[in-house]
Amino acid sequence: MRKLNKIVIALLIVTLFHGCSKDALVENSPSVVLPENLYVNKAGFDAGINGLYDQVRRSRSGNTLGSVGAMMTGPAYVGTDNAYANWRDGLEDIYNNWGIINNAAVDHFRLEWAWLYETINAANTITTRAENPNISWSATDKNLVLAEARAIRAWSYRHLTYMWGPVPLTLTESSGSTIKTDWVRAPVSEVQAAMEADWLFAEQHLPVTSTLNGKILKGVAQHYLAELYLAQGKDAQARDMALKVTTNNNYRLVTARYGVKATQPGTPFTDMFLDGNSNRAQGNTEALWVLQAELNVIGGEPNNVMRRYWVNRYYSFTQGGRNPFLVSAEYGGRGIGRYGPTKWALGIYPAGDDRGSDFAWRFNYAINNPAGIPAGLKLGDIIQLDRTSNEKTVNANWPHTRKWDYASPVDPNVDRAYNDQVYLRSADTYLLLAEAQMKTGAPGDAATTINVLRNRAKAPTVSAAQINLDFILDERSRELFSEEERRYTLLRTGKLLERVRLYNVLARTTIADRDLLFPIPQSVIDANLTLKMPNNPGY
């Protein structure tokens, strides 16, 4: 997973191959790596699958390969009920101000669209080439390759449909004469049917566990199928699929301290996010999917920008004209505070809930700058951050989640983070299960499911009478803040506009009906030369 020279090669193969003309590929030189000479044995397909995992990692890395850029899936997290943009620039302003700045010319939307379809075409190339009867491999090896490729293809279409609604659907390799300029936007139901087929195949052939960190597991396919069935109103199917995860002891919740800081103050909940604790091999049984990163790898450095985006600029905080905090490893390194929690999100934790504790959030800092000590204070004194005002932009005096704290062992000031990170946990599946149980008329069962998470967090238990969709959405924020793609959850449940207008002070008066979907990038519309592609309503 971390042999980046192989990963980057595999990624570039797919990207460059499909950008070449048909004539340029007539010769099949063994010194040039192309699908024709890569996908000829299991080793070649393994390299291609590694390339797909690199594409998945880009969801939490910058939107350009040569510089950091904006977080690729940033629009999935922010501009919701529980998160706003705490920074000002052309992209972040959209999530607070919406209006005319949310338009088809936004470059990030072009980059995100291109990344997702690059990933899909890479997966399609693998699934197409895997049918070559001349490849010598077992049925088990072939089906595992297909399962991983198809699971990631469905994952890509999930992003596309939540971002843009109806989108072009392609399940075969695009190259040479098969490249089209007359794409039609398929209905979401048609795309979801393809996603379901892919995830059902993946569920059949993916392993329950793996000795390789970062591999997609059976539980991931089951989780996304449960979510898909909820989106389709198939609540009983969603319940039954979610139960496959929550009743599997391999995916049991973390309920006891473990790992690198088990003997230090902390909580089982927050242990999962510590560097060195994220992977299943490190004790995190709850992890369904963990994105891998590594510093100082020959050929490139897989990284993420979650710390960069979610950790605030505490080093810019001032009091009495003094700057009391320096960037430090103890404080999680250097964030740039582009995203932050809404005031509502900070205030929904009951007393004693570990998920709202100082181990989960940065509510204060100790003065560590000898040259910036405010009057009347001394080195080491604690300064509390403001959490009573309404959210505002460029605000260093605002708490932030500690889930993505990370300090490079080389330099805590670096932008990127190189720690492995949990991408999907079975706790999320528990909350899908609770939603399905509520919708199938079993609020008592839903309360029991939610209380499993609450007991772990030392939060008060709830009763069947308290269970409704809004309570479950609140609980998702308490458990999964900054982990779940919150926009997708609110879209799936039909609650985005309502809850943004209730709980997001900056966006409540600016978000409009058209903002339920983002605009199709103008470059995509322009490239569809032989058939006009309509944009989403309002754009």
Protein backbone atom coordinates (compact mmCIF):
# COMPACT_ATOMS: atom_id res chain seq x y z
CA MET A 1 0.00 0.00 0.00
CA ARG A 2 2.85 2.37 0.63
CA LYS A 3 5.04 1.64 -2.37
CA LEU A 4 4.28 5.00 -3.89
CA ASN A 5 6.48 4.50 -6.88
CA LYS A 6 4.13 1.73 -8.00
CA ILE A 7 1.03 3.61 -6.97
CA VAL A 8 1.88 6.81 -8.82
CA ILE A 9 2.91 4.87 -11.92
CA ALA A 10 -0.41 3.02 -11.91
CA LEU A 11 -2.31 6.25 -11.49
CA LEU A 12 -0.47 8.02 -14.26
CA ILE A 13 -0.88 5.08 -16.58
CA VAL A 14 -4.62 5.36 -16.48
CA THR A 15 -4.70 9.14 -16.63
CA LEU A 16 -2.22 9.53 -19.46
CA PHE A 17 -3.44 6.54 -21.43
CA HIS A 18 -6.90 7.95 -21.72
CA GLY A 19 -5.58 11.35 -22.69
CA CYS A 20 -3.63 9.98 -25.65
CA SER A 21 -4.84 9.67 -29.19
CA LYS A 22 -5.68 6.27 -30.59
CA ASP A 23 -2.79 6.40 -33.06
CA ALA A 24 -0.27 7.11 -30.34
CA LEU A 25 -1.00 3.71 -28.83
CA VAL A 26 -0.52 1.54 -31.88
CA GLU A 27 2.90 0.32 -30.75
CA ASN A 28 3.09 -1.65 -27.54
CA SER A 29 6.66 -1.11 -26.44
CA PRO A 30 7.61 -3.14 -23.33
CA SER A 31 9.54 -0.11 -22.04
CA VAL A 32 6.32 1.94 -21.83
CA VAL A 33 3.79 0.89 -19.20
CA LEU A 34 0.30 0.81 -20.72
CA PRO A 35 -2.84 -1.15 -19.88
CA GLU A 36 -1.91 -3.61 -22.63
CA ASN A 37 1.29 -4.65 -20.89
CA LEU A 38 0.32 -3.89 -17.29
CA TYR A 39 -2.90 -5.84 -16.99
CA VAL A 40 -1.50 -9.19 -18.06
CA ASN A 41 -1.06 -10.87 -14.67
CA LYS A 42 -2.07 -10.56 -11.04
CA ALA A 43 0.91 -8.33 -10.19
CA GLY A 44 -0.19 -5.84 -12.83
CA PHE A 45 -3.75 -5.77 -11.51
CA ASP A 46 -2.46 -5.34 -7.94
CA ALA A 47 -0.53 -2.29 -9.11
CA GLY A 48 -3.67 -0.90 -10.71
CA ILE A 49 -5.67 -1.49 -7.54
CA ASN A 50 -2.99 0.36 -5.57
CA GLY A 51 -3.49 3.25 -7.98
CA LEU A 52 -7.20 3.24 -7.15
CA TYR A 53 -6.42 3.46 -3.44
CA ASP A 54 -4.23 6.46 -4.16
CA GLN A 55 -7.20 8.05 -5.89
CA VAL A 56 -9.33 7.41 -2.81
CA ARG A 57 -6.68 9.03 -0.60
CA ARG A 58 -6.99 12.16 -2.71
CA SER A 59 -10.42 12.70 -1.17
CA ARG A 60 -8.59 14.07 1.86
CA SER A 61 -5.63 15.60 0.09
CA GLY A 62 -5.27 18.75 -1.98
CA ASN A 63 -7.03 19.17 -5.30
CA THR A 64 -3.74 19.44 -7.20
CA LEU A 65 -0.89 16.97 -7.33
CA GLY A 66 1.90 19.56 -7.34
CA SER A 67 0.74 21.73 -4.45
CA VAL A 68 -1.57 21.43 -1.49
CA GLY A 69 -4.68 23.10 -2.89
CA ALA A 70 -8.17 22.79 -1.44
CA MET A 71 -9.34 19.56 0.16
CA MET A 72 -10.94 17.55 -2.64
CA THR A 73 -14.13 16.57 -0.83
CA GLY A 74 -14.36 19.75 1.23
CA PRO A 75 -17.83 20.56 -0.14
CA ALA A 76 -19.11 17.36 1.50
CA TYR A 77 -18.28 18.57 5.01
CA VAL A 78 -18.83 22.30 5.26
CA GLY A 79 -21.70 24.73 4.71
CA THR A 80 -23.94 22.44 6.76
CA ASP A 81 -25.66 22.59 10.13
CA ASN A 82 -22.53 21.63 12.06
CA ALA A 83 -19.64 23.15 10.07
CA TYR A 84 -18.87 26.46 8.40
CA ALA A 85 -15.93 28.00 6.56
CA ASN A 86 -13.70 29.81 9.07
CA TRP A 87 -11.56 31.26 6.31
CA ARG A 88 -12.06 33.73 3.46
CA ASP A 89 -11.21 32.92 -0.12
CA GLY A 90 -13.04 32.26 -3.36
CA LEU A 91 -13.91 28.67 -2.53
CA GLU A 92 -14.56 28.84 1.21
CA ASP A 93 -16.78 31.91 0.75
CA ILE A 94 -19.21 29.78 -1.24
CA TYR A 95 -20.14 27.66 1.77
CA ASN A 96 -21.04 30.72 3.84
CA ASN A 97 -22.40 33.11 1.20
CA TRP A 98 -23.70 30.89 -1.64
CA GLY A 99 -25.43 33.10 -4.25
CA ILE A 100 -23.72 33.95 -7.52
CA ILE A 101 -20.25 32.89 -6.36
CA ASN A 102 -21.53 29.30 -6.47
CA ASN A 103 -21.36 28.87 -10.23
CA ALA A 104 -20.21 26.61 -13.04
CA ALA A 105 -16.86 28.39 -13.41
CA VAL A 106 -15.59 27.42 -9.92
CA ASP A 107 -12.36 25.59 -10.63
CA HIS A 108 -12.59 23.28 -7.66
CA PHE A 109 -15.78 21.75 -9.02
CA ARG A 110 -13.98 21.02 -12.29
CA LEU A 111 -11.11 19.37 -10.45
CA GLU A 112 -13.39 17.29 -8.26
CA TRP A 113 -15.48 16.13 -11.23
CA ALA A 114 -12.32 15.20 -13.15
CA TRP A 115 -10.84 13.33 -10.18
CA LEU A 116 -13.96 11.24 -9.68
CA TYR A 117 -14.26 10.31 -13.34
CA GLU A 118 -10.53 9.56 -13.51
CA THR A 119 -11.14 7.16 -10.64
CA ILE A 120 -14.15 5.62 -12.37
CA ASN A 121 -12.30 5.15 -15.63
CA ALA A 122 -9.34 3.62 -13.79
CA ALA A 123 -11.78 1.17 -12.17
CA ASN A 124 -13.49 0.54 -15.50
CA THR A 125 -10.14 -0.21 -17.13
CA ILE A 126 -9.44 -2.82 -14.45
CA THR A 127 -12.87 -4.44 -14.68
CA THR A 128 -12.71 -4.52 -18.49
CA ARG A 129 -9.16 -5.91 -18.70
CA ALA A 130 -9.86 -8.49 -15.99
CA GLU A 131 -12.12 -10.33 -18.42
CA ASN A 132 -9.16 -11.21 -20.66
CA PRO A 133 -9.23 -15.04 -20.81
CA ASN A 134 -5.46 -15.18 -21.33
CA ILE A 135 -4.70 -14.01 -17.79
CA SER A 136 -3.50 -16.84 -15.61
CA TRP A 137 -5.04 -16.42 -12.17
CA SER A 138 -7.53 -18.07 -9.87
CA ALA A 139 -11.20 -17.15 -9.77
CA THR A 140 -10.66 -15.98 -6.20
CA ASP A 141 -7.88 -13.57 -7.19
CA LYS A 142 -9.89 -12.24 -10.12
CA ASN A 143 -13.03 -11.68 -8.03
CA LEU A 144 -11.08 -9.88 -5.32
CA VAL A 145 -9.61 -7.48 -7.87
CA LEU A 146 -13.05 -6.91 -9.37
CA ALA A 147 -14.57 -6.43 -5.92
CA GLU A 148 -12.08 -3.73 -4.94
CA ALA A 149 -12.40 -1.94 -8.28
CA ARG A 150 -16.18 -2.08 -8.29
CA ALA A 151 -16.47 -0.98 -4.65
CA ILE A 152 -14.35 2.10 -5.37
CA ARG A 153 -16.26 2.80 -8.58
CA ALA A 154 -19.55 2.80 -6.63
CA TRP A 155 -17.92 4.99 -3.96
CA SER A 156 -17.03 7.50 -6.70
CA TYR A 157 -20.58 7.55 -8.06
CA ARG A 158 -21.82 8.12 -4.53
CA HIS A 159 -19.86 11.35 -4.39
CA LEU A 160 -21.01 12.38 -7.86
CA THR A 161 -24.72 11.86 -7.22
CA TYR A 162 -24.68 13.72 -3.91
CA MET A 163 -22.73 16.59 -5.43
CA TRP A 164 -24.48 16.89 -8.79
CA GLY A 165 -27.51 14.61 -8.91
CA PRO A 166 -27.97 13.00 -12.36
CA VAL A 167 -24.54 12.37 -13.89
CA PRO A 168 -23.14 10.45 -16.87
CA LEU A 169 -22.94 6.73 -16.14
CA THR A 170 -20.18 4.63 -17.68
CA LEU A 171 -19.20 1.14 -16.62
CA THR A 172 -16.72 0.31 -19.39
CA GLU A 173 -13.23 1.49 -20.25
CA SER A 174 -13.05 4.75 -22.22
CA SER A 175 -10.21 5.01 -24.69
CA GLY A 176 -9.56 5.78 -28.34
CA SER A 177 -12.72 5.42 -30.40
CA THR A 178 -14.90 4.87 -27.31
CA ILE A 179 -14.34 8.39 -25.98
CA LYS A 180 -17.66 10.24 -26.23
CA THR A 181 -18.73 13.84 -26.70
CA ASP A 182 -22.46 13.19 -26.32
CA TRP A 183 -22.79 12.16 -22.69
CA VAL A 184 -26.28 12.04 -21.19
CA ARG A 185 -26.90 12.62 -17.48
CA ALA A 186 -28.37 9.38 -16.17
CA PRO A 187 -31.15 9.59 -13.56
CA VAL A 188 -29.93 9.14 -10.00
CA SER A 189 -32.01 5.96 -9.72
CA GLU A 190 -30.11 4.43 -12.65
CA VAL A 191 -26.75 5.37 -11.15
CA GLN A 192 -27.82 4.00 -7.77
CA ALA A 193 -28.77 0.70 -9.39
CA ALA A 194 -25.23 0.41 -10.75
CA MET A 195 -23.82 1.32 -7.34
CA GLU A 196 -25.94 -1.35 -5.69
CA ALA A 197 -24.78 -4.00 -8.15
CA ASP A 198 -21.15 -3.04 -7.55
CA TRP A 199 -21.43 -3.09 -3.78
CA LEU A 200 -23.36 -6.36 -3.76
CA PHE A 201 -20.60 -7.96 -5.81
CA ALA A 202 -18.03 -6.45 -3.45
CA GLU A 203 -19.90 -7.72 -0.41
CA GLN A 204 -19.75 -11.23 -1.85
CA HIS A 205 -16.03 -11.21 -2.62
CA LEU A 206 -14.29 -8.80 -0.23
CA PRO A 207 -12.73 -10.26 2.92
CA VAL A 208 -14.15 -9.57 6.36
CA THR A 209 -10.67 -8.53 7.54
CA SER A 210 -7.25 -8.13 5.95
CA THR A 211 -3.66 -8.19 7.10
CA LEU A 212 -3.02 -5.25 4.78
CA ASN A 213 -3.81 -1.91 6.36
CA GLY A 214 -5.99 0.32 4.22
CA LYS A 215 -7.73 -2.40 2.24
CA ILE A 216 -11.47 -2.03 1.69
CA LEU A 217 -13.38 -4.69 3.64
CA LYS A 218 -16.71 -6.47 3.36
CA GLY A 219 -18.08 -4.22 6.09
CA VAL A 220 -17.48 -1.15 3.92
CA ALA A 221 -19.68 -2.54 1.15
CA GLN A 222 -22.35 -3.48 3.70
CA HIS A 223 -22.24 -0.03 5.25
CA TYR A 224 -22.66 1.78 1.95
CA LEU A 225 -25.44 -0.59 0.90
CA ALA A 226 -27.29 0.23 4.13
CA GLU A 227 -26.89 3.94 3.43
CA LEU A 228 -28.04 3.47 -0.18
CA TYR A 229 -31.13 1.55 0.88
CA LEU A 230 -32.04 4.33 3.31
CA ALA A 231 -31.70 6.87 0.49
CA GLN A 232 -34.04 4.72 -1.62
CA GLY A 233 -36.61 4.31 1.15
CA LYS A 234 -35.86 0.58 1.50
CA ASP A 235 -35.66 0.82 5.26
CA ALA A 236 -36.01 -2.89 6.11
CA GLN A 237 -33.21 -3.76 3.68
CA ALA A 238 -31.10 -0.99 5.20
CA ARG A 239 -31.71 -2.38 8.68
CA ASP A 240 -30.78 -5.91 7.66
CA MET A 241 -27.63 -4.80 5.86
CA ALA A 242 -26.48 -2.59 8.75
CA LEU A 243 -26.98 -5.48 11.16
CA LYS A 244 -24.41 -7.48 9.21
CA VAL A 245 -21.83 -4.93 10.36
CA THR A 246 -23.02 -4.20 13.89
CA THR A 247 -23.38 -7.88 14.81
CA ASN A 248 -19.99 -8.83 13.38
CA ASN A 249 -17.51 -9.14 16.24
CA ASN A 250 -14.68 -8.25 13.85
CA TYR A 251 -16.15 -4.74 13.65
CA ARG A 252 -16.95 -4.34 17.35
CA LEU A 253 -16.80 -0.90 18.89
CA VAL A 254 -13.73 0.24 20.79
CA THR A 255 -14.87 0.39 24.40
CA ALA A 256 -11.59 0.31 26.34
CA ARG A 257 -8.39 2.32 26.27
CA TYR A 258 -5.71 0.96 23.94
CA GLY A 259 -2.60 1.78 21.99
CA VAL A 260 0.05 4.47 22.08
CA LYS A 261 -1.31 6.57 24.97
CA ALA A 262 -3.37 4.00 26.81
CA THR A 263 -1.67 4.79 30.13
CA GLN A 264 -2.12 8.56 29.74
CA PRO A 265 -5.32 10.54 30.30
CA GLY A 266 -7.80 10.05 27.46
CA THR A 267 -10.89 8.13 26.37
CA PRO A 268 -11.59 5.03 24.28
CA PHE A 269 -13.40 7.27 21.77
CA THR A 270 -10.46 9.59 21.22
CA ASP A 271 -7.84 6.83 21.22
CA MET A 272 -8.97 5.89 17.71
CA PHE A 273 -7.73 9.16 16.24
CA LEU A 274 -4.23 9.14 17.70
CA ASP A 275 -1.30 8.64 15.36
CA GLY A 276 -0.38 4.99 15.74
CA ASN A 277 -3.88 3.87 16.78
CA SER A 278 -5.97 4.17 13.62
CA ASN A 279 -5.41 0.81 11.95
CA ARG A 280 -7.09 -2.46 12.82
CA ALA A 281 -3.68 -4.05 13.35
CA GLN A 282 -3.05 -1.40 16.02
CA GLY A 283 -6.18 -2.35 17.96
CA ASN A 284 -8.88 -0.29 16.26
CA THR A 285 -11.51 -2.99 15.72
CA GLU A 286 -14.07 -0.31 14.89
CA ALA A 287 -12.24 0.79 11.75
CA LEU A 288 -13.88 -0.33 8.53
CA TRP A 289 -11.61 1.67 6.22
CA VAL A 290 -8.39 3.51 7.11
CA LEU A 291 -6.60 5.78 4.65
CA GLN A 292 -2.86 5.24 4.64
CA ALA A 293 -0.21 7.98 4.58
CA GLU A 294 3.54 8.01 5.07
CA LEU A 295 6.32 10.57 5.37
CA ASN A 296 9.55 10.30 3.39
CA VAL A 297 8.49 7.61 0.91
CA ILE A 298 10.56 7.22 -2.25
CA GLY A 299 8.52 8.30 -5.24
CA GLY A 300 6.07 10.49 -3.34
CA GLU A 301 4.39 11.01 -0.01
CA PRO A 302 0.74 10.04 0.39
CA ASN A 303 -0.68 12.67 2.72
CA ASN A 304 -3.86 14.37 3.82
CA VAL A 305 -4.91 17.90 4.70
CA MET A 306 -7.48 17.18 7.41
CA ARG A 307 -5.27 18.78 10.08
CA ARG A 308 -4.64 21.72 7.76
CA TYR A 309 -8.36 22.32 7.35
CA TRP A 310 -9.87 21.46 10.74
CA VAL A 311 -7.21 22.59 13.25
CA ASN A 312 -7.58 26.31 13.86
CA ARG A 313 -4.88 28.99 13.64
CA TYR A 314 -4.29 29.06 17.38
CA TYR A 315 -0.87 30.62 16.73
CA SER A 316 -2.71 33.70 15.38
CA PHE A 317 -4.76 34.13 18.54
CA THR A 318 -4.11 37.44 20.34
CA GLN A 319 -5.04 38.75 23.75
CA GLY A 320 -4.23 42.26 24.78
CA GLY A 321 -2.15 42.66 21.64
CA ARG A 322 0.03 39.67 22.55
CA ASN A 323 0.32 36.32 20.78
CA PRO A 324 0.55 33.71 23.56
CA PHE A 325 0.67 30.50 21.50
CA LEU A 326 3.39 29.08 19.28
CA VAL A 327 2.99 26.18 16.87
CA SER A 328 3.94 23.04 18.73
CA ALA A 329 3.72 19.28 18.44
CA GLU A 330 1.85 19.23 21.74
CA TYR A 331 -0.89 21.34 20.16
CA GLY A 332 -1.18 19.14 17.09
CA GLY A 333 1.05 21.07 14.72
CA ARG A 334 0.10 23.85 12.34
CA GLY A 335 -3.46 24.00 11.13
CA ILE A 336 -4.89 26.79 9.01
CA GLY A 337 -8.46 26.70 10.30
CA ARG A 338 -10.36 26.71 7.03
CA TYR A 339 -13.28 24.82 8.53
CA GLY A 340 -14.81 25.09 11.98
CA PRO A 341 -17.77 23.85 14.02
CA THR A 342 -20.89 25.94 14.21
CA LYS A 343 -21.87 27.24 17.63
CA TRP A 344 -24.73 24.73 17.56
CA ALA A 345 -22.36 21.82 16.98
CA LEU A 346 -20.25 22.83 19.97
CA GLY A 347 -23.25 23.02 22.28
CA ILE A 348 -25.04 19.72 21.75
CA TYR A 349 -22.98 17.48 24.04
CA PRO A 350 -24.49 16.52 27.40
CA ALA A 351 -22.32 16.86 30.49
CA GLY A 352 -19.86 14.00 30.83
CA ASP A 353 -20.00 12.95 27.17
CA ASP A 354 -16.46 11.93 26.18
CA ARG A 355 -17.18 13.06 22.62
CA GLY A 356 -17.54 16.63 23.85
CA SER A 357 -14.58 16.52 26.23
CA ASP A 358 -11.23 18.28 26.18
CA PHE A 359 -9.75 15.11 24.73
CA ALA A 360 -12.01 15.47 21.68
CA TRP A 361 -11.97 19.27 21.31
CA ARG A 362 -9.47 22.11 21.76
CA PHE A 363 -11.28 24.44 24.11
CA ASN A 364 -8.16 26.03 25.59
CA TYR A 365 -4.38 26.31 25.34
CA ALA A 366 -1.58 26.85 27.79
CA ILE A 367 0.62 29.85 27.08
CA ASN A 368 3.85 28.60 25.48
CA ASN A 369 5.28 31.76 23.93
CA PRO A 370 7.63 33.55 26.33
CA ALA A 371 7.57 36.60 24.09
CA GLY A 372 3.76 36.79 23.88
CA ILE A 373 2.51 36.53 27.47
CA PRO A 374 -0.55 38.77 28.02
CA ALA A 375 -0.53 41.17 30.95
CA GLY A 376 -1.32 39.58 34.29
CA LEU A 377 -0.58 36.04 33.07
CA LYS A 378 2.46 33.78 33.03
CA LEU A 379 3.94 31.00 30.98
CA GLY A 380 1.79 27.88 31.30
CA ASP A 381 -1.40 29.67 32.25
CA ILE A 382 -4.53 28.36 30.50
CA ILE A 383 -6.50 30.61 28.16
CA GLN A 384 -10.03 29.49 27.32
CA LEU A 385 -11.25 29.94 23.76
CA ASP A 386 -14.58 31.63 23.08
CA ARG A 387 -17.49 29.24 22.50
CA THR A 388 -20.41 31.48 23.42
CA SER A 389 -20.36 33.90 20.47
CA ASN A 390 -21.76 33.10 17.06
CA GLU A 391 -19.41 31.72 14.47
CA LYS A 392 -17.50 34.22 12.32
CA THR A 393 -14.77 33.99 9.73
CA VAL A 394 -10.99 34.24 10.24
CA ASN A 395 -11.53 33.60 13.93
CA ALA A 396 -8.54 32.12 15.75
CA ASN A 397 -10.46 32.40 19.03
CA TRP A 398 -12.69 29.43 18.29
CA PRO A 399 -12.54 25.76 19.36
CA HIS A 400 -11.76 22.97 16.93
CA THR A 401 -11.92 19.20 16.82
CA ARG A 402 -8.84 17.26 17.91
CA LYS A 403 -9.57 14.25 15.71
CA TRP A 404 -7.04 15.44 13.16
CA ASP A 405 -4.30 16.74 15.45
CA TYR A 406 -1.00 15.71 13.98
CA ALA A 407 2.57 16.92 14.25
CA SER A 408 5.21 15.85 11.77
CA PRO A 409 8.24 14.33 13.49
CA VAL A 410 10.32 16.42 11.10
CA ASP A 411 8.56 19.78 11.39
CA PRO A 412 5.22 20.59 13.12
CA ASN A 413 4.80 23.53 10.74
CA VAL A 414 4.31 21.46 7.57
CA ASP A 415 0.96 21.85 5.81
CA ARG A 416 0.34 18.19 5.09
CA ALA A 417 -0.25 15.39 7.58
CA TYR A 418 1.23 11.92 7.22
CA ASN A 419 -0.72 9.92 9.77
CA ASP A 420 -3.03 7.06 8.83
CA GLN A 421 -6.61 8.19 9.33
CA VAL A 422 -9.88 6.42 9.98
CA TYR A 423 -12.18 7.04 7.02
CA LEU A 424 -15.14 4.91 8.02
CA ARG A 425 -16.07 3.40 11.42
CA SER A 426 -18.71 0.89 12.42
CA ALA A 427 -20.11 3.55 14.78
CA ASP A 428 -21.44 5.21 11.64
CA THR A 429 -23.18 1.96 10.72
CA TYR A 430 -24.78 1.82 14.17
CA LEU A 431 -26.36 5.19 13.46
CA LEU A 432 -27.57 4.03 10.04
CA LEU A 433 -29.08 1.04 11.81
CA ALA A 434 -30.82 3.28 14.35
CA GLU A 435 -32.29 5.36 11.54
CA ALA A 436 -33.55 2.24 9.76
CA GLN A 437 -35.01 0.86 12.99
CA MET A 438 -36.85 4.12 13.65
CA LYS A 439 -38.20 4.19 10.08
CA THR A 440 -39.43 0.60 10.34
CA GLY A 441 -41.45 1.43 13.45
CA ALA A 442 -39.04 0.25 16.14
CA PRO A 443 -37.94 3.36 18.06
CA GLY A 444 -37.12 1.22 21.09
CA ASP A 445 -34.62 -0.77 19.06
CA ALA A 446 -33.20 2.49 17.71
CA ALA A 447 -32.73 3.80 21.25
CA THR A 448 -30.98 0.56 22.23
CA THR A 449 -28.62 0.89 19.26
CA ILE A 450 -27.82 4.53 20.02
CA ASN A 451 -27.25 3.72 23.68
CA VAL A 452 -24.44 1.36 22.74
CA LEU A 453 -22.56 4.44 21.46
CA ARG A 454 -23.69 6.58 24.37
CA ASN A 455 -22.55 4.06 26.92
CA ARG A 456 -19.12 4.04 25.33
CA ALA A 457 -19.04 7.84 25.52
CA LYS A 458 -20.42 7.97 29.09
CA ALA A 459 -23.38 10.01 27.85
CA PRO A 460 -26.88 9.68 29.35
CA THR A 461 -28.94 6.93 27.75
CA VAL A 462 -32.05 7.77 25.75
CA SER A 463 -35.52 6.27 25.53
CA ALA A 464 -37.74 5.34 22.61
CA ALA A 465 -39.80 8.50 23.21
CA GLN A 466 -36.76 10.66 22.38
CA ILE A 467 -36.06 9.03 19.03
CA ASN A 468 -36.84 10.92 15.86
CA LEU A 469 -34.89 11.81 12.74
CA ASP A 470 -33.59 15.10 14.11
CA PHE A 471 -32.33 13.42 17.25
CA ILE A 472 -30.47 10.85 15.16
CA LEU A 473 -28.94 13.62 13.05
CA ASP A 474 -27.87 15.37 16.25
CA GLU A 475 -26.33 12.12 17.47
CA ARG A 476 -24.49 11.69 14.18
CA SER A 477 -22.92 15.10 14.71
CA ARG A 478 -21.92 14.25 18.26
CA GLU A 479 -20.30 10.97 17.19
CA LEU A 480 -19.04 11.73 13.69
CA PHE A 481 -18.27 15.46 13.55
CA SER A 482 -15.85 16.11 10.67
CA GLU A 483 -15.75 12.38 9.81
CA GLU A 484 -19.07 11.90 8.07
CA GLU A 485 -19.71 13.70 4.80
CA ARG A 486 -22.38 15.73 6.54
CA ARG A 487 -23.82 17.35 3.43
CA TYR A 488 -24.60 13.93 1.99
CA THR A 489 -26.38 12.85 5.17
CA LEU A 490 -28.54 15.96 5.21
CA LEU A 491 -29.34 15.63 1.51
CA ARG A 492 -30.23 11.97 1.91
CA THR A 493 -32.62 12.75 4.76
CA GLY A 494 -34.09 15.87 3.09
CA LYS A 495 -32.87 18.06 5.95
CA LEU A 496 -30.09 20.20 4.46
CA LEU A 497 -31.93 23.49 3.95
CA GLU A 498 -33.97 23.20 7.13
CA ARG A 499 -31.04 22.52 9.41
CA VAL A 500 -28.63 24.99 7.81
CA ARG A 501 -31.26 27.68 8.30
CA LEU A 502 -31.70 26.64 11.91
CA TYR A 503 -28.09 26.16 12.99
CA ASN A 504 -25.59 27.83 10.63
CA VAL A 505 -25.52 31.53 11.44
CA LEU A 506 -23.52 32.57 8.38
CA ALA A 507 -25.36 30.53 5.75
CA ARG A 508 -28.90 30.53 7.08
CA THR A 509 -29.99 33.52 4.99
CA THR A 510 -27.87 32.85 1.91
CA ILE A 511 -28.44 29.19 1.04
CA ALA A 512 -31.19 28.61 -1.53
CA ASP A 513 -33.04 25.69 -3.09
CA ARG A 514 -30.64 25.52 -6.02
CA ASP A 515 -27.72 24.96 -3.63
CA LEU A 516 -28.99 21.45 -2.91
CA LEU A 517 -26.88 20.52 -5.93
CA PHE A 518 -23.68 22.08 -7.22
CA PRO A 519 -23.38 23.35 -10.80
CA ILE A 520 -22.05 21.03 -13.48
CA PRO A 521 -18.62 22.51 -14.33
CA GLN A 522 -18.74 24.68 -17.43
CA SER A 523 -15.72 22.85 -18.84
CA VAL A 524 -17.72 19.61 -18.75
CA ILE A 525 -20.65 21.20 -20.57
CA ASP A 526 -18.30 22.70 -23.17
CA ALA A 527 -16.54 19.36 -23.75
CA ASN A 528 -19.82 17.61 -24.55
CA LEU A 529 -19.55 18.86 -28.12
CA THR A 530 -22.25 16.88 -29.91
CA LEU A 531 -25.04 16.99 -27.34
CA LYS A 532 -26.01 19.88 -25.09
CA MET A 533 -25.69 18.90 -21.44
CA PRO A 534 -28.15 20.81 -19.24
CA ASN A 535 -26.92 22.26 -15.97
CA ASN A 536 -28.72 21.85 -12.67
CA PRO A 537 -31.74 24.10 -12.05
CA GLY A 538 -30.83 27.66 -11.15
CA TYR A 539 -27.40 27.66 -12.81
